[in-house]
Amino acid sequence: MQPTETSQKEEWMTMIIWRGCLARLSVLQMQLPLLLPLQVALLCFILLLPPSVAAQGPLPSSPPPPPPPPFTNIAIGKTIYASSQFSSQYAPVNAIDGIIPSAGSNSSTFISANGTGEWLVIDFGEAMTISSIALYHRRDCCGQELVNAEFRLGGAAVLLSDASNYFYNYRLDNASSGPGTTGGVILLNLNPPRTGRTLLVRNSNVNPSPYVRLAMAELQVYGMPAGNNQD
């Protein structure tokens, strides 16, 4: 096969570049340290690469790691206990059923019996990393009965026979100061997120009035299994 005019031109240009590089290297070898001739030799090599190879450039870097899974409401459907309940209509499970009643309604609401220091605790069944908590006060009335809501995070399974131990778990915060408000919301953001298996909410109201109860329309806990965390 006869060489084409284009291939002959490419060979001619390659020969000129190569000869020029060799001549330059001969001079630099005598005048300058070894590093600079090596740089010129590398430049000659790059210039002599086929266009398709030279155009590729550096290899792409590794793709970034995938983002961590989003935080979701991990309270729904979990095991939940309370120190008491006002009646079967206002059971603890109402606090984590994912339903926020409409204004003025007490349906799907948890209400404890009358008493000071009433509490409610969720057992997630495994260690969870929690980023935020939202407690929705009763929507019908009596929001002021919950005073200085206390949140505590623990690492052991719930044992009702020794429930008082949960009062000594890690205290996240006094998320509210003073009495709550009907229809209001307590928001607790944890920065950095905290890890634990159980979450206790306690009413710090010490008023001896017979109308002191722990009540909430919904308790939302946003987090993920601790094993899903990524650096």
C-alpha atoms as a PDB file:
ATOM      1  CA  MET A   1       0.000   0.000   0.000  1.00  0.00           C
ATOM      2  CA  GLN A   2       1.392   3.383  -1.005  1.00  0.00           C
ATOM      3  CA  PRO A   3       1.718   5.947   1.834  1.00  0.00           C
ATOM      4  CA  THR A   4      -0.767   8.794   1.595  1.00  0.00           C
ATOM      5  CA  GLU A   5       0.239  12.419   1.463  1.00  0.00           C
ATOM      6  CA  THR A   6      -1.081  12.929   5.021  1.00  0.00           C
ATOM      7  CA  SER A   7       0.972  10.072   6.478  1.00  0.00           C
ATOM      8  CA  GLN A   8       4.089  11.325   4.717  1.00  0.00           C
ATOM      9  CA  LYS A   9       3.586  14.775   6.253  1.00  0.00           C
ATOM     10  CA  GLU A  10       3.129  13.254   9.728  1.00  0.00           C
ATOM     11  CA  GLU A  11       6.333  11.235   9.390  1.00  0.00           C
ATOM     12  CA  TRP A  12       8.189  14.308   8.176  1.00  0.00           C
ATOM     13  CA  MET A  13       6.971  16.427  11.129  1.00  0.00           C
ATOM     14  CA  THR A  14       7.840  13.645  13.590  1.00  0.00           C
ATOM     15  CA  MET A  15      11.368  13.421  12.229  1.00  0.00           C
ATOM     16  CA  ILE A  16      11.853  17.202  12.480  1.00  0.00           C
ATOM     17  CA  ILE A  17      10.583  17.302  16.090  1.00  0.00           C
ATOM     18  CA  TRP A  18      12.700  14.331  17.103  1.00  0.00           C
ATOM     19  CA  ARG A  19      15.874  15.715  15.552  1.00  0.00           C
ATOM     20  CA  GLY A  20      15.263  19.097  17.159  1.00  0.00           C
ATOM     21  CA  CYS A  21      14.778  17.486  20.552  1.00  0.00           C
ATOM     22  CA  LEU A  22      17.945  15.419  20.223  1.00  0.00           C
ATOM     23  CA  ALA A  23      19.943  18.470  19.267  1.00  0.00           C
ATOM     24  CA  ARG A  24      18.530  20.422  22.186  1.00  0.00           C
ATOM     25  CA  LEU A  25      19.290  17.577  24.585  1.00  0.00           C
ATOM     26  CA  SER A  26      22.898  17.412  23.411  1.00  0.00           C
ATOM     27  CA  VAL A  27      23.431  21.077  24.233  1.00  0.00           C
ATOM     28  CA  LEU A  28      21.594  20.956  27.575  1.00  0.00           C
ATOM     29  CA  GLN A  29      23.467  17.823  28.639  1.00  0.00           C
ATOM     30  CA  MET A  30      26.678  19.823  28.680  1.00  0.00           C
ATOM     31  CA  GLN A  31      25.350  23.123  30.064  1.00  0.00           C
ATOM     32  CA  LEU A  32      22.659  22.369  32.653  1.00  0.00           C
ATOM     33  CA  PRO A  33      21.939  19.855  35.419  1.00  0.00           C
ATOM     34  CA  LEU A  34      20.341  16.552  34.556  1.00  0.00           C
ATOM     35  CA  LEU A  35      16.791  17.605  35.560  1.00  0.00           C
ATOM     36  CA  LEU A  36      16.179  19.980  32.679  1.00  0.00           C
ATOM     37  CA  PRO A  37      17.228  17.561  29.903  1.00  0.00           C
ATOM     38  CA  LEU A  38      14.845  15.024  31.380  1.00  0.00           C
ATOM     39  CA  GLN A  39      12.073  17.590  31.159  1.00  0.00           C
ATOM     40  CA  VAL A  40      12.880  18.259  27.507  1.00  0.00           C
ATOM     41  CA  ALA A  41      12.970  14.510  26.801  1.00  0.00           C
ATOM     42  CA  LEU A  42       9.523  14.167  28.345  1.00  0.00           C
ATOM     43  CA  LEU A  43       8.235  17.022  26.195  1.00  0.00           C
ATOM     44  CA  CYS A  44       9.613  15.302  23.085  1.00  0.00           C
ATOM     45  CA  PHE A  45       7.851  12.098  24.062  1.00  0.00           C
ATOM     46  CA  ILE A  46       4.515  13.909  24.493  1.00  0.00           C
ATOM     47  CA  LEU A  47       4.883  15.695  21.158  1.00  0.00           C
ATOM     48  CA  LEU A  48       5.544  12.382  19.416  1.00  0.00           C
ATOM     49  CA  LEU A  49       2.464  10.664  20.864  1.00  0.00           C
ATOM     50  CA  PRO A  50      -0.319   9.909  18.371  1.00  0.00           C
ATOM     51  CA  PRO A  51      -3.021  12.592  18.532  1.00  0.00           C
ATOM     52  CA  SER A  52      -5.617  10.094  19.815  1.00  0.00           C
ATOM     53  CA  VAL A  53      -3.408   9.205  22.808  1.00  0.00           C
ATOM     54  CA  ALA A  54      -2.280  12.745  23.634  1.00  0.00           C
ATOM     55  CA  ALA A  55      -5.864  14.030  23.591  1.00  0.00           C
ATOM     56  CA  GLN A  56      -7.002  11.653  26.300  1.00  0.00           C
ATOM     57  CA  GLY A  57      -5.430  13.702  29.080  1.00  0.00           C
ATOM     58  CA  PRO A  58      -5.164  12.481  32.674  1.00  0.00           C
ATOM     59  CA  LEU A  59      -7.206   9.538  33.858  1.00  0.00           C
ATOM     60  CA  PRO A  60     -10.487  10.473  35.566  1.00  0.00           C
ATOM     61  CA  SER A  61     -10.470  10.502  39.359  1.00  0.00           C
ATOM     62  CA  SER A  62     -12.491   8.013  41.375  1.00  0.00           C
ATOM     63  CA  PRO A  63     -16.183   8.910  41.736  1.00  0.00           C
ATOM     64  CA  PRO A  64     -17.176  10.498  45.062  1.00  0.00           C
ATOM     65  CA  PRO A  65     -18.726   8.222  47.677  1.00  0.00           C
ATOM     66  CA  PRO A  66     -22.522   8.045  47.683  1.00  0.00           C
ATOM     67  CA  PRO A  67     -24.308  10.427  50.061  1.00  0.00           C
ATOM     68  CA  PRO A  68     -25.525   9.010  53.375  1.00  0.00           C
ATOM     69  CA  PRO A  69     -29.133   7.861  53.474  1.00  0.00           C
ATOM     70  CA  PRO A  70     -31.618  10.569  54.472  1.00  0.00           C
ATOM     71  CA  PHE A  71     -32.934  10.909  58.006  1.00  0.00           C
ATOM     72  CA  THR A  72     -36.519   9.650  58.320  1.00  0.00           C
ATOM     73  CA  ASN A  73     -39.079   9.439  61.113  1.00  0.00           C
ATOM     74  CA  ILE A  74     -37.847   6.301  62.877  1.00  0.00           C
ATOM     75  CA  ALA A  75     -40.470   6.398  65.645  1.00  0.00           C
ATOM     76  CA  ILE A  76     -43.401   5.073  63.607  1.00  0.00           C
ATOM     77  CA  GLY A  77     -44.272   1.495  64.479  1.00  0.00           C
ATOM     78  CA  LYS A  78     -41.619   1.082  67.179  1.00  0.00           C
ATOM     79  CA  THR A  79     -42.172  -0.355  70.658  1.00  0.00           C
ATOM     80  CA  ILE A  80     -43.440   2.282  73.076  1.00  0.00           C
ATOM     81  CA  TYR A  81     -44.303   2.334  76.777  1.00  0.00           C
ATOM     82  CA  ALA A  82     -45.678   4.913  79.180  1.00  0.00           C
ATOM     83  CA  SER A  83     -45.888   5.291  82.927  1.00  0.00           C
ATOM     84  CA  SER A  84     -49.674   5.370  82.604  1.00  0.00           C
ATOM     85  CA  GLN A  85     -52.502   6.208  80.234  1.00  0.00           C
ATOM     86  CA  PHE A  86     -55.694   8.145  80.837  1.00  0.00           C
ATOM     87  CA  SER A  87     -57.774   5.490  79.086  1.00  0.00           C
ATOM     88  CA  SER A  88     -57.438   2.936  76.291  1.00  0.00           C
ATOM     89  CA  GLN A  89     -58.554   5.635  73.866  1.00  0.00           C
ATOM     90  CA  TYR A  90     -55.363   7.600  74.575  1.00  0.00           C
ATOM     91  CA  ALA A  91     -52.787   4.789  74.428  1.00  0.00           C
ATOM     92  CA  PRO A  92     -49.037   5.467  73.996  1.00  0.00           C
ATOM     93  CA  VAL A  93     -49.053   4.049  70.466  1.00  0.00           C
ATOM     94  CA  ASN A  94     -51.084   7.088  69.376  1.00  0.00           C
ATOM     95  CA  ALA A  95     -47.943   9.185  69.827  1.00  0.00           C
ATOM     96  CA  ILE A  96     -46.064   7.340  67.065  1.00  0.00           C
ATOM     97  CA  ASP A  97     -48.764   6.423  64.540  1.00  0.00           C
ATOM     98  CA  GLY A  98     -47.759   9.138  62.072  1.00  0.00           C
ATOM     99  CA  ILE A  99     -51.059  11.001  62.483  1.00  0.00           C
ATOM    100  CA  ILE A 100     -51.250  14.615  63.632  1.00  0.00           C
ATOM    101  CA  PRO A 101     -54.876  15.400  64.523  1.00  0.00           C
ATOM    102  CA  SER A 102     -56.554  18.452  63.115  1.00  0.00           C
ATOM    103  CA  ALA A 103     -56.875  21.551  65.280  1.00  0.00           C
ATOM    104  CA  GLY A 104     -59.384  21.071  68.084  1.00  0.00           C
ATOM    105  CA  SER A 105     -59.306  17.263  67.880  1.00  0.00           C
ATOM    106  CA  ASN A 106     -58.003  14.813  70.478  1.00  0.00           C
ATOM    107  CA  SER A 107     -58.182  11.769  68.231  1.00  0.00           C
ATOM    108  CA  SER A 108     -54.952   9.780  67.859  1.00  0.00           C
ATOM    109  CA  THR A 109     -53.533  11.509  70.940  1.00  0.00           C
ATOM    110  CA  PHE A 110     -51.589  10.074  73.863  1.00  0.00           C
ATOM    111  CA  ILE A 111     -52.649  11.254  77.331  1.00  0.00           C
ATOM    112  CA  SER A 112     -51.251   9.874  80.575  1.00  0.00           C
ATOM    113  CA  ALA A 113     -53.098   9.594  83.857  1.00  0.00           C
ATOM    114  CA  ASN A 114     -52.910  12.471  86.317  1.00  0.00           C
ATOM    115  CA  GLY A 115     -49.623  12.646  88.191  1.00  0.00           C
ATOM    116  CA  THR A 116     -46.264  14.373  88.332  1.00  0.00           C
ATOM    117  CA  GLY A 117     -43.237  13.046  86.470  1.00  0.00           C
ATOM    118  CA  GLU A 118     -45.239  11.053  83.913  1.00  0.00           C
ATOM    119  CA  TRP A 119     -43.064   9.611  81.138  1.00  0.00           C
ATOM    120  CA  LEU A 120     -43.134   7.876  77.763  1.00  0.00           C
ATOM    121  CA  VAL A 121     -40.266   5.869  76.224  1.00  0.00           C
ATOM    122  CA  ILE A 122     -39.622   4.501  72.719  1.00  0.00           C
ATOM    123  CA  ASP A 123     -37.458   1.426  72.171  1.00  0.00           C
ATOM    124  CA  PHE A 124     -36.119   1.493  68.601  1.00  0.00           C
ATOM    125  CA  GLY A 125     -34.837  -2.084  68.873  1.00  0.00           C
ATOM    126  CA  GLU A 126     -31.313  -1.097  67.803  1.00  0.00           C
ATOM    127  CA  ALA A 127     -28.917   1.818  68.083  1.00  0.00           C
ATOM    128  CA  MET A 128     -30.134   4.828  66.118  1.00  0.00           C
ATOM    129  CA  THR A 129     -28.383   8.065  65.229  1.00  0.00           C
ATOM    130  CA  ILE A 130     -30.879  10.859  65.857  1.00  0.00           C
ATOM    131  CA  SER A 131     -30.689  14.314  64.303  1.00  0.00           C
ATOM    132  CA  SER A 132     -33.925  15.965  65.457  1.00  0.00           C
ATOM    133  CA  ILE A 133     -37.086  15.476  67.499  1.00  0.00           C
ATOM    134  CA  ALA A 134     -40.502  17.110  67.119  1.00  0.00           C
ATOM    135  CA  LEU A 135     -43.138  16.858  69.848  1.00  0.00           C
ATOM    136  CA  TYR A 136     -46.633  18.066  68.922  1.00  0.00           C
ATOM    137  CA  HIS A 137     -48.702  19.222  71.893  1.00  0.00           C
ATOM    138  CA  ARG A 138     -52.352  18.309  72.254  1.00  0.00           C
ATOM    139  CA  ARG A 139     -54.448  19.963  69.583  1.00  0.00           C
ATOM    140  CA  ASP A 140     -57.679  20.254  71.573  1.00  0.00           C
ATOM    141  CA  CYS A 141     -56.662  21.819  74.897  1.00  0.00           C
ATOM    142  CA  CYS A 142     -54.393  21.641  77.921  1.00  0.00           C
ATOM    143  CA  GLY A 143     -51.042  22.142  76.194  1.00  0.00           C
ATOM    144  CA  GLN A 144     -49.831  23.982  79.291  1.00  0.00           C
ATOM    145  CA  GLU A 145     -49.839  20.751  81.323  1.00  0.00           C
ATOM    146  CA  LEU A 146     -46.520  19.714  79.725  1.00  0.00           C
ATOM    147  CA  VAL A 147     -43.808  21.825  81.361  1.00  0.00           C
ATOM    148  CA  ASN A 148     -40.085  21.764  80.545  1.00  0.00           C
ATOM    149  CA  ALA A 149     -40.264  18.594  78.466  1.00  0.00           C
ATOM    150  CA  GLU A 150     -37.244  16.433  79.250  1.00  0.00           C
ATOM    151  CA  PHE A 151     -35.646  14.188  76.599  1.00  0.00           C
ATOM    152  CA  ARG A 152     -33.218  11.403  77.542  1.00  0.00           C
ATOM    153  CA  LEU A 153     -31.375   8.996  75.251  1.00  0.00           C
ATOM    154  CA  GLY A 154     -30.263   5.552  76.444  1.00  0.00           C
ATOM    155  CA  GLY A 155     -28.510   2.508  75.057  1.00  0.00           C
ATOM    156  CA  ALA A 156     -30.309  -0.440  76.664  1.00  0.00           C
ATOM    157  CA  ALA A 157     -33.601  -2.160  75.962  1.00  0.00           C
ATOM    158  CA  VAL A 158     -36.642  -0.997  77.910  1.00  0.00           C
ATOM    159  CA  LEU A 159     -37.315  -2.952  81.120  1.00  0.00           C
ATOM    160  CA  LEU A 160     -40.551  -1.820  82.697  1.00  0.00           C
ATOM    161  CA  SER A 161     -39.582  -3.534  85.949  1.00  0.00           C
ATOM    162  CA  ASP A 162     -36.826  -0.953  86.351  1.00  0.00           C
ATOM    163  CA  ALA A 163     -38.209   2.030  84.487  1.00  0.00           C
ATOM    164  CA  SER A 164     -36.801   4.516  86.977  1.00  0.00           C
ATOM    165  CA  ASN A 165     -33.326   3.900  85.544  1.00  0.00           C
ATOM    166  CA  TYR A 166     -34.335   5.733  82.391  1.00  0.00           C
ATOM    167  CA  PHE A 167     -34.382   8.972  84.339  1.00  0.00           C
ATOM    168  CA  TYR A 168     -30.576   8.711  84.551  1.00  0.00           C
ATOM    169  CA  ASN A 169     -29.963   8.278  80.825  1.00  0.00           C
ATOM    170  CA  TYR A 170     -28.152  10.940  78.815  1.00  0.00           C
ATOM    171  CA  ARG A 171     -30.162  14.140  78.889  1.00  0.00           C
ATOM    172  CA  LEU A 172     -30.428  15.712  75.463  1.00  0.00           C
ATOM    173  CA  ASP A 173     -31.847  19.074  76.409  1.00  0.00           C
ATOM    174  CA  ASN A 174     -34.598  20.999  78.083  1.00  0.00           C
ATOM    175  CA  ALA A 175     -36.121  21.737  74.735  1.00  0.00           C
ATOM    176  CA  SER A 176     -38.826  23.980  76.137  1.00  0.00           C
ATOM    177  CA  SER A 177     -38.907  26.454  78.963  1.00  0.00           C
ATOM    178  CA  GLY A 178     -42.132  26.819  80.874  1.00  0.00           C
ATOM    179  CA  PRO A 179     -45.515  25.390  79.951  1.00  0.00           C
ATOM    180  CA  GLY A 180     -46.399  24.286  76.456  1.00  0.00           C
ATOM    181  CA  THR A 181     -49.162  25.697  74.296  1.00  0.00           C
ATOM    182  CA  THR A 182     -52.158  23.946  72.821  1.00  0.00           C
ATOM    183  CA  GLY A 183     -51.377  23.116  69.197  1.00  0.00           C
ATOM    184  CA  GLY A 184     -47.723  24.075  69.626  1.00  0.00           C
ATOM    185  CA  VAL A 185     -44.604  22.131  68.669  1.00  0.00           C
ATOM    186  CA  ILE A 186     -41.341  21.482  70.514  1.00  0.00           C
ATOM    187  CA  LEU A 187     -38.424  21.218  68.073  1.00  0.00           C
ATOM    188  CA  LEU A 188     -35.119  19.790  69.230  1.00  0.00           C
ATOM    189  CA  ASN A 189     -32.206  19.753  66.767  1.00  0.00           C
ATOM    190  CA  LEU A 190     -29.187  17.659  67.735  1.00  0.00           C
ATOM    191  CA  ASN A 191     -25.900  18.946  66.354  1.00  0.00           C
ATOM    192  CA  PRO A 192     -23.987  16.749  66.208  1.00  0.00           C
ATOM    193  CA  PRO A 193     -26.526  13.911  66.017  1.00  0.00           C
ATOM    194  CA  ARG A 194     -26.680  11.570  69.018  1.00  0.00           C
ATOM    195  CA  THR A 195     -26.828   7.783  69.075  1.00  0.00           C
ATOM    196  CA  GLY A 196     -28.952   5.592  71.335  1.00  0.00           C
ATOM    197  CA  ARG A 197     -31.534   2.833  71.415  1.00  0.00           C
ATOM    198  CA  THR A 198     -34.207   4.360  73.649  1.00  0.00           C
ATOM    199  CA  LEU A 199     -35.724   7.824  73.876  1.00  0.00           C
ATOM    200  CA  LEU A 200     -37.585   8.957  76.985  1.00  0.00           C
ATOM    201  CA  VAL A 201     -39.834  12.010  77.231  1.00  0.00           C
ATOM    202  CA  ARG A 202     -40.783  13.173  80.712  1.00  0.00           C
ATOM    203  CA  ASN A 203     -43.066  15.878  82.021  1.00  0.00           C
ATOM    204  CA  SER A 204     -41.155  18.035  84.498  1.00  0.00           C
ATOM    205  CA  ASN A 205     -44.338  19.667  85.788  1.00  0.00           C
ATOM    206  CA  VAL A 206     -44.277  19.427  89.598  1.00  0.00           C
ATOM    207  CA  ASN A 207     -47.605  21.202  90.093  1.00  0.00           C
ATOM    208  CA  PRO A 208     -49.643  19.164  92.603  1.00  0.00           C
ATOM    209  CA  SER A 209     -52.819  19.953  90.693  1.00  0.00           C
ATOM    210  CA  PRO A 210     -54.852  16.853  89.771  1.00  0.00           C
ATOM    211  CA  TYR A 211     -54.768  18.035  86.170  1.00  0.00           C
ATOM    212  CA  VAL A 212     -51.100  17.375  85.417  1.00  0.00           C
ATOM    213  CA  ARG A 213     -50.579  14.891  82.592  1.00  0.00           C
ATOM    214  CA  LEU A 214     -48.086  14.047  79.895  1.00  0.00           C
ATOM    215  CA  ALA A 215     -49.871  14.367  76.588  1.00  0.00           C
ATOM    216  CA  MET A 216     -48.909  14.734  72.959  1.00  0.00           C
ATOM    217  CA  ALA A 217     -50.556  14.556  69.565  1.00  0.00           C
ATOM    218  CA  GLU A 218     -47.440  13.086  67.926  1.00  0.00           C
ATOM    219  CA  LEU A 219     -43.778  12.416  68.628  1.00  0.00           C
ATOM    220  CA  GLN A 220     -41.501  12.421  65.578  1.00  0.00           C
ATOM    221  CA  VAL A 221     -37.902  11.243  65.821  1.00  0.00           C
ATOM    222  CA  TYR A 222     -35.690  11.745  62.771  1.00  0.00           C
ATOM    223  CA  GLY A 223     -32.678   9.499  62.383  1.00  0.00           C
ATOM    224  CA  MET A 224     -31.234   6.336  60.871  1.00  0.00           C
ATOM    225  CA  PRO A 225     -29.720   3.065  62.062  1.00  0.00           C
ATOM    226  CA  ALA A 226     -26.303   3.784  63.527  1.00  0.00           C
ATOM    227  CA  GLY A 227     -24.716   1.271  61.140  1.00  0.00           C
ATOM    228  CA  ASN A 228     -25.738   3.412  58.136  1.00  0.00           C
ATOM    229  CA  ASN A 229     -23.561   6.373  59.155  1.00  0.00           C
ATOM    230  CA  GLN A 230     -20.823   7.333  56.689  1.00  0.00           C
ATOM    231  CA  ASP A 231     -17.779   9.454  57.364  1.00  0.00           C
END
